[in-house]
């Protein structure tokens, strides 16, 4: 299996967390941990494995001047 490193859903880019999960329950549990850290999550089934893709929206940008 060679999963995509990213997927686009609803015009939003999600990045794979790098781990295949054997069941949807495992993937959903991992996804919940990302949600608790303020990520948006997408779970995809591919070749019998479940993949978790996540993205975080940047709310503020720190700017430094020199």
C-alpha atoms as a PDB file:
ATOM      1  CA  UNK A   1       0.000   0.000   0.000  1.00  0.00           C
ATOM      2  CA  UNK A   2       1.294   3.423  -0.946  1.00  0.00           C
ATOM      3  CA  UNK A   3      -1.184   5.988   0.410  1.00  0.00           C
ATOM      4  CA  UNK A   4      -1.363   9.595  -0.689  1.00  0.00           C
ATOM      5  CA  UNK A   5       0.408  11.965   1.677  1.00  0.00           C
ATOM      6  CA  UNK A   6      -2.458  14.414   1.285  1.00  0.00           C
ATOM      7  CA  UNK A   7      -6.093  14.485   0.172  1.00  0.00           C
ATOM      8  CA  UNK A   8      -8.397  17.341  -0.686  1.00  0.00           C
ATOM      9  CA  UNK A   9     -11.936  17.229   0.712  1.00  0.00           C
ATOM     10  CA  UNK A  10     -14.441  20.043   0.279  1.00  0.00           C
ATOM     11  CA  UNK A  11     -11.649  22.234  -1.083  1.00  0.00           C
ATOM     12  CA  UNK A  12      -9.488  21.692   2.021  1.00  0.00           C
ATOM     13  CA  UNK A  13      -6.097  19.948   2.079  1.00  0.00           C
ATOM     14  CA  UNK A  14      -5.583  17.254   4.733  1.00  0.00           C
ATOM     15  CA  UNK A  15      -2.226  15.597   5.511  1.00  0.00           C
ATOM     16  CA  UNK A  16      -1.854  11.888   6.383  1.00  0.00           C
ATOM     17  CA  UNK A  17      -0.639  11.173   9.917  1.00  0.00           C
ATOM     18  CA  UNK A  18       1.656   8.436   8.575  1.00  0.00           C
ATOM     19  CA  UNK A  19       0.052   5.447  10.282  1.00  0.00           C
ATOM     20  CA  UNK A  20      -2.333   2.851   8.801  1.00  0.00           C
ATOM     21  CA  UNK A  21      -5.000   1.588  11.214  1.00  0.00           C
ATOM     22  CA  UNK A  22      -6.444  -1.932  11.081  1.00  0.00           C
ATOM     23  CA  UNK A  23      -9.994  -0.904  12.004  1.00  0.00           C
ATOM     24  CA  UNK A  24     -12.255   2.093  11.660  1.00  0.00           C
ATOM     25  CA  UNK A  25     -12.542   2.204  15.469  1.00  0.00           C
ATOM     26  CA  UNK A  26      -8.772   2.646  15.840  1.00  0.00           C
ATOM     27  CA  UNK A  27      -8.760   5.365  13.176  1.00  0.00           C
ATOM     28  CA  UNK A  28     -11.694   7.178  14.772  1.00  0.00           C
ATOM     29  CA  UNK A  29      -9.990   7.019  18.180  1.00  0.00           C
ATOM     30  CA  UNK A  30      -6.805   8.534  16.687  1.00  0.00           C
ATOM     31  CA  UNK A  31      -8.909  11.128  14.891  1.00  0.00           C
ATOM     32  CA  UNK A  32     -10.582  12.122  18.145  1.00  0.00           C
ATOM     33  CA  UNK A  33      -7.159  12.846  19.661  1.00  0.00           C
ATOM     34  CA  UNK A  34      -6.449  15.206  16.747  1.00  0.00           C
ATOM     35  CA  UNK A  35      -9.858  16.862  17.168  1.00  0.00           C
ATOM     36  CA  UNK A  36      -9.063  17.488  20.831  1.00  0.00           C
ATOM     37  CA  UNK A  37      -5.944  19.347  19.626  1.00  0.00           C
ATOM     38  CA  UNK A  38      -8.129  21.553  17.378  1.00  0.00           C
ATOM     39  CA  UNK A  39      -7.499  19.716  14.077  1.00  0.00           C
ATOM     40  CA  UNK A  40     -10.079  18.946  11.418  1.00  0.00           C
ATOM     41  CA  UNK A  41     -10.027  15.217  10.630  1.00  0.00           C
ATOM     42  CA  UNK A  42     -10.857  13.013   7.658  1.00  0.00           C
ATOM     43  CA  UNK A  43     -10.752   9.170   7.798  1.00  0.00           C
ATOM     44  CA  UNK A  44     -10.265   7.253   4.535  1.00  0.00           C
ATOM     45  CA  UNK A  45     -10.432   3.504   3.891  1.00  0.00           C
ATOM     46  CA  UNK A  46      -7.845   2.256   1.393  1.00  0.00           C
ATOM     47  CA  UNK A  47      -7.069  -1.396   0.617  1.00  0.00           C
ATOM     48  CA  UNK A  48      -8.584  -2.606   3.898  1.00  0.00           C
ATOM     49  CA  UNK A  49      -6.603  -0.109   5.977  1.00  0.00           C
ATOM     50  CA  UNK A  50      -7.935   3.066   7.551  1.00  0.00           C
ATOM     51  CA  UNK A  51      -5.962   6.284   7.171  1.00  0.00           C
ATOM     52  CA  UNK A  52      -6.343   9.443   9.243  1.00  0.00           C
ATOM     53  CA  UNK A  53      -5.834  12.783   7.526  1.00  0.00           C
ATOM     54  CA  UNK A  54      -5.798  16.007   9.544  1.00  0.00           C
ATOM     55  CA  UNK A  55      -5.490  19.745   9.035  1.00  0.00           C
ATOM     56  CA  UNK A  56      -5.288  22.750  11.285  1.00  0.00           C
ATOM     57  CA  UNK A  57      -6.377  26.232  10.329  1.00  0.00           C
ATOM     58  CA  UNK A  58      -3.948  28.985  11.266  1.00  0.00           C
ATOM     59  CA  UNK A  59      -5.816  31.580  13.330  1.00  0.00           C
ATOM     60  CA  UNK A  60      -2.968  33.958  14.064  1.00  0.00           C
ATOM     61  CA  UNK A  61       0.472  34.613  12.659  1.00  0.00           C
ATOM     62  CA  UNK A  62       3.314  35.861  14.821  1.00  0.00           C
ATOM     63  CA  UNK A  63       5.319  38.599  13.159  1.00  0.00           C
ATOM     64  CA  UNK A  64       8.714  39.668  14.434  1.00  0.00           C
ATOM     65  CA  UNK A  65      10.666  42.721  13.353  1.00  0.00           C
ATOM     66  CA  UNK A  66      14.389  43.076  13.493  1.00  0.00           C
END
